[in-house]
N, C-alpha and C. Protein backbone atom coordinates (compact mmCIF):
# COMPACT_ATOMS: atom_id res chain seq x y z
N MET A 1 -24.29 17.84 -53.50
CA MET A 1 -25.63 18.15 -53.98
C MET A 1 -26.45 16.78 -54.15
N ILE A 2 -26.06 15.89 -54.73
CA ILE A 2 -26.53 14.63 -55.43
C ILE A 2 -27.00 13.98 -54.08
N TRP A 3 -26.08 13.92 -53.04
CA TRP A 3 -26.59 13.43 -51.59
C TRP A 3 -27.49 13.95 -51.10
N LEU A 4 -27.50 15.47 -50.92
CA LEU A 4 -28.44 16.03 -50.52
C LEU A 4 -29.82 15.95 -50.93
N TRP A 5 -29.98 15.91 -52.34
CA TRP A 5 -31.26 15.66 -52.98
C TRP A 5 -31.70 14.38 -52.98
N ARG A 6 -30.62 13.31 -52.96
CA ARG A 6 -31.11 11.94 -52.75
C ARG A 6 -31.82 11.68 -51.54
N ASP A 7 -31.20 12.28 -50.45
CA ASP A 7 -31.70 12.20 -49.13
C ASP A 7 -32.84 12.98 -48.52
N THR A 8 -33.21 14.09 -49.46
CA THR A 8 -34.57 14.88 -49.00
C THR A 8 -35.50 14.71 -50.33
N GLY A 9 -35.01 14.91 -51.63
CA GLY A 9 -35.66 14.98 -52.38
C GLY A 9 -36.75 16.20 -52.46
N ASP A 10 -36.26 17.19 -51.73
CA ASP A 10 -36.91 18.45 -51.38
C ASP A 10 -36.41 19.69 -52.52
N PRO A 11 -36.89 20.22 -53.37
CA PRO A 11 -36.48 21.45 -54.19
C PRO A 11 -36.11 22.49 -52.96
N GLU A 12 -36.36 22.23 -52.04
CA GLU A 12 -35.96 23.61 -50.91
C GLU A 12 -34.24 23.61 -51.10
N VAL A 13 -33.61 22.83 -51.40
CA VAL A 13 -32.48 22.75 -51.29
C VAL A 13 -31.82 23.94 -52.07
N SER A 14 -32.59 24.42 -52.81
CA SER A 14 -31.86 25.63 -53.87
C SER A 14 -31.20 26.49 -52.71
N PRO A 15 -31.78 27.02 -51.48
CA PRO A 15 -31.03 27.96 -50.95
C PRO A 15 -29.46 27.62 -50.22
N HIS A 16 -29.37 26.19 -50.30
CA HIS A 16 -27.87 25.51 -49.93
C HIS A 16 -27.26 25.86 -51.06
N ILE A 17 -27.84 25.72 -52.22
CA ILE A 17 -27.10 25.67 -53.60
C ILE A 17 -26.59 26.88 -53.89
N LEU A 18 -27.58 27.91 -53.47
CA LEU A 18 -27.20 29.41 -53.95
C LEU A 18 -26.19 29.98 -52.63
N ALA A 19 -26.41 29.51 -51.53
CA ALA A 19 -25.35 29.80 -50.61
C ALA A 19 -23.97 29.28 -50.89
N THR A 20 -23.98 28.13 -51.19
CA THR A 20 -22.75 27.59 -51.81
C THR A 20 -21.97 28.56 -52.79
N PHE A 21 -22.48 28.89 -53.92
CA PHE A 21 -22.04 29.74 -54.84
C PHE A 21 -21.59 31.12 -54.13
N TRP A 22 -22.21 31.54 -53.04
CA TRP A 22 -21.57 32.97 -52.83
C TRP A 22 -20.47 32.90 -51.79
N TYR A 23 -20.51 31.41 -50.99
CA TYR A 23 -19.13 31.28 -50.25
C TYR A 23 -18.30 30.87 -51.23
N VAL A 24 -18.37 30.62 -52.46
CA VAL A 24 -17.04 30.05 -53.24
C VAL A 24 -16.63 31.21 -53.93
N LEU A 25 -17.14 32.24 -54.58
CA LEU A 25 -16.79 33.46 -54.70
C LEU A 25 -15.60 34.22 -54.31
N PRO A 26 -15.59 34.35 -53.20
CA PRO A 26 -14.49 34.99 -52.37
C PRO A 26 -13.04 34.19 -52.46
N SER A 27 -13.38 33.04 -52.63
CA SER A 27 -12.02 32.34 -52.48
C SER A 27 -11.52 32.20 -54.20
N LEU A 28 -12.18 32.90 -55.21
CA LEU A 28 -11.68 32.39 -56.33
C LEU A 28 -10.24 33.25 -56.90
N PRO A 29 -10.26 34.61 -56.13
CA PRO A 29 -9.15 35.42 -56.47
C PRO A 29 -7.78 34.71 -55.91
N MET A 30 -8.00 33.91 -54.96
CA MET A 30 -6.76 33.09 -54.66
C MET A 30 -5.97 32.64 -55.39
N PHE A 31 -6.82 31.97 -56.31
CA PHE A 31 -6.30 31.21 -57.32
C PHE A 31 -5.80 31.88 -58.32
N LEU A 32 -6.20 33.00 -58.58
CA LEU A 32 -5.35 33.98 -59.60
C LEU A 32 -4.05 34.58 -59.04
N LEU A 33 -4.21 35.07 -57.69
CA LEU A 33 -3.04 35.49 -57.16
C LEU A 33 -1.87 34.81 -56.98
N MET A 34 -2.35 33.25 -56.31
CA MET A 34 -1.12 32.47 -56.17
C MET A 34 0.10 32.38 -57.67
N PRO A 35 -0.80 31.90 -58.42
CA PRO A 35 0.32 31.93 -59.53
C PRO A 35 1.23 32.99 -60.06
N PHE A 36 0.64 34.21 -59.46
CA PHE A 36 1.08 35.52 -60.12
C PHE A 36 2.26 35.43 -59.08
N LEU A 37 1.93 35.34 -57.88
CA LEU A 37 3.11 35.92 -56.72
C LEU A 37 4.15 34.80 -57.06
N LEU A 38 3.73 33.80 -57.41
CA LEU A 38 4.73 32.41 -57.12
C LEU A 38 5.79 32.97 -58.70
N ARG A 39 5.28 33.22 -59.81
CA ARG A 39 5.93 33.50 -61.05
C ARG A 39 6.80 34.84 -60.59
N SER A 40 6.40 35.83 -59.56
CA SER A 40 6.96 37.25 -59.61
C SER A 40 8.24 37.05 -58.55
N GLY A 41 8.34 35.57 -58.05
CA GLY A 41 9.70 35.18 -57.27
C GLY A 41 9.43 35.17 -55.67
N TYR A 42 7.88 35.30 -55.61
CA TYR A 42 7.89 35.12 -53.99
C TYR A 42 7.65 33.74 -53.57
N GLY A 43 8.26 33.60 -52.36
CA GLY A 43 8.01 32.15 -51.75
C GLY A 43 6.89 31.69 -51.78
N PHE A 44 6.64 30.24 -51.45
CA PHE A 44 5.60 29.48 -51.67
C PHE A 44 4.74 29.89 -50.07
N TRP A 45 5.37 30.08 -49.33
CA TRP A 45 4.71 30.19 -47.77
C TRP A 45 4.25 31.86 -47.76
N THR A 46 5.19 32.70 -48.16
CA THR A 46 4.57 34.02 -48.52
C THR A 46 3.40 33.98 -49.08
N THR A 47 3.25 33.23 -50.50
CA THR A 47 2.34 33.43 -51.49
C THR A 47 1.09 32.84 -50.70
N LEU A 48 1.08 31.72 -49.88
CA LEU A 48 0.18 31.03 -49.30
C LEU A 48 -0.73 32.40 -48.21
N ALA A 49 0.32 32.74 -47.19
CA ALA A 49 -0.34 33.63 -46.54
C ALA A 49 -0.97 34.79 -47.03
N VAL A 50 -0.22 35.65 -48.16
CA VAL A 50 -0.99 36.67 -48.74
C VAL A 50 -2.38 36.35 -49.24
N SER A 51 -2.40 35.04 -50.23
CA SER A 51 -3.57 34.57 -50.71
C SER A 51 -4.78 34.04 -49.64
N CYS A 52 -4.14 33.85 -48.65
CA CYS A 52 -5.03 33.30 -47.42
C CYS A 52 -5.79 34.51 -46.78
N ALA A 53 -4.83 35.72 -46.83
CA ALA A 53 -5.28 36.95 -46.05
C ALA A 53 -6.14 37.59 -47.03
N LEU A 54 -5.96 37.67 -48.37
CA LEU A 54 -6.86 37.79 -49.27
C LEU A 54 -8.29 37.64 -49.13
N THR A 55 -8.38 36.20 -49.02
CA THR A 55 -9.50 35.34 -49.15
C THR A 55 -10.29 35.78 -47.91
N ILE A 56 -9.57 35.92 -46.79
CA ILE A 56 -10.28 36.31 -45.47
C ILE A 56 -10.93 37.59 -45.71
N VAL A 57 -10.05 38.57 -46.11
CA VAL A 57 -10.71 39.91 -46.37
C VAL A 57 -11.80 39.81 -46.97
N LEU A 58 -12.02 39.05 -48.22
CA LEU A 58 -13.19 39.18 -49.11
C LEU A 58 -14.23 38.33 -48.55
N TYR A 59 -13.71 37.39 -47.56
CA TYR A 59 -15.08 36.57 -46.94
C TYR A 59 -15.76 37.82 -46.07
N LEU A 60 -15.19 38.56 -45.07
CA LEU A 60 -15.25 39.50 -44.22
C LEU A 60 -16.22 40.66 -45.05
N LEU A 61 -15.74 41.16 -46.29
CA LEU A 61 -16.59 41.85 -47.07
C LEU A 61 -17.87 41.37 -47.39
N MET A 62 -17.67 40.30 -47.65
CA MET A 62 -18.99 39.38 -48.18
C MET A 62 -20.02 39.66 -46.97
N VAL A 63 -19.63 39.04 -46.10
CA VAL A 63 -20.45 39.08 -44.81
C VAL A 63 -20.65 40.53 -44.52
N LEU A 64 -20.19 41.40 -44.53
CA LEU A 64 -20.80 42.68 -44.19
C LEU A 64 -21.64 43.30 -45.00
N ALA A 65 -21.30 43.07 -46.67
CA ALA A 65 -22.38 43.34 -47.60
C ALA A 65 -23.90 42.42 -47.23
N PHE A 66 -23.50 41.44 -46.93
CA PHE A 66 -24.91 40.78 -46.91
C PHE A 66 -25.54 41.20 -45.58
N SER A 67 -24.71 41.48 -44.63
CA SER A 67 -25.46 41.82 -43.23
C SER A 67 -26.15 43.45 -43.57
N LYS A 68 -25.59 44.19 -44.49
CA LYS A 68 -25.93 45.45 -44.50
C LYS A 68 -27.18 45.51 -45.61
N PHE A 69 -26.76 44.51 -47.06
CA PHE A 69 -28.11 44.72 -47.93
C PHE A 69 -28.75 43.41 -47.92
N GLY A 70 -28.56 42.52 -47.28
CA GLY A 70 -29.47 41.39 -47.33
C GLY A 70 -28.53 40.50 -48.49
N SER A 71 -29.22 39.07 -48.51
CA SER A 71 -28.76 38.28 -49.56
C SER A 71 -29.74 37.62 -50.44
N ALA A 72 -29.73 37.03 -51.56
CA ALA A 72 -30.58 36.38 -52.32
C ALA A 72 -30.93 35.50 -51.60
N CYS A 73 -30.44 34.83 -50.66
CA CYS A 73 -30.94 33.28 -50.00
C CYS A 73 -31.85 34.05 -49.32
N GLU A 74 -31.68 35.11 -48.26
CA GLU A 74 -32.82 35.74 -47.52
C GLU A 74 -33.97 36.13 -48.21
N ALA A 75 -33.71 36.95 -49.39
CA ALA A 75 -34.78 37.52 -50.02
C ALA A 75 -35.97 36.10 -50.73
N GLN A 76 -35.07 35.10 -51.16
CA GLN A 76 -35.74 33.71 -51.48
C GLN A 76 -36.58 33.36 -50.36
N GLN A 77 -36.12 33.18 -49.08
CA GLN A 77 -36.82 32.48 -48.20
C GLN A 77 -37.82 33.39 -47.64
N GLU A 78 -37.76 34.66 -47.70
CA GLU A 78 -38.92 35.30 -47.56
C GLU A 78 -40.03 35.45 -48.46
N SER A 79 -39.65 35.12 -49.45
CA SER A 79 -40.94 35.21 -50.42
C SER A 79 -41.60 33.89 -50.49
N ALA A 80 -40.91 32.56 -49.99
CA ALA A 80 -41.42 31.29 -49.87
C ALA A 80 -40.91 30.93 -48.60
N PRO A 81 -41.95 30.75 -47.77
CA PRO A 81 -41.66 30.05 -46.57
C PRO A 81 -41.27 28.59 -46.70
N VAL A 82 -40.32 28.14 -45.81
CA VAL A 82 -39.72 26.94 -46.01
C VAL A 82 -40.22 26.18 -44.90
N GLN A 83 -40.93 25.09 -45.36
CA GLN A 83 -41.18 24.21 -44.22
C GLN A 83 -39.92 23.32 -43.75
N ASN A 84 -40.01 23.00 -42.52
CA ASN A 84 -38.89 22.31 -41.91
C ASN A 84 -39.11 20.93 -41.70
N SER A 85 -38.98 20.47 -43.39
CA SER A 85 -39.38 18.87 -43.30
C SER A 85 -38.20 18.33 -43.85
N MET A 86 -36.88 18.98 -43.73
CA MET A 86 -35.72 18.50 -44.27
C MET A 86 -35.23 17.48 -42.98
N PRO A 87 -34.72 16.34 -43.14
CA PRO A 87 -34.24 15.58 -42.16
C PRO A 87 -32.87 15.92 -41.58
N ALA A 88 -32.37 15.66 -40.41
CA ALA A 88 -31.32 16.08 -40.23
C ALA A 88 -30.26 15.08 -40.59
N LEU A 89 -29.25 15.58 -41.18
CA LEU A 89 -27.83 14.71 -41.63
C LEU A 89 -26.85 14.73 -40.91
N SER A 90 -26.43 13.42 -40.59
CA SER A 90 -25.38 12.92 -39.48
C SER A 90 -24.26 12.66 -40.39
N LEU A 91 -23.28 13.26 -39.73
CA LEU A 91 -21.90 12.69 -40.46
C LEU A 91 -21.30 11.83 -39.70
N ILE A 92 -21.87 11.50 -38.24
CA ILE A 92 -21.13 10.44 -37.70
C ILE A 92 -21.65 9.31 -37.61
């Protein structure tokens, strides 16, 4: 976020920050499930596979919910039009 703010100085980075929040949420249960399964005697690879499967399911549910109900990012963008003044960021 610091890099994005430094490069743009644009307060319109807020949708990016909010989207990051929504993409982190479905991955958090994995960090609760993995220690539980490991302590319960499951092997590491089984634990990792089950935890990844849970994360994928939660991401899909999030995408479905956003497609049906919309997201806070979309509502924010509709209420305040965003000018395309942000320069393209190149990683190469």
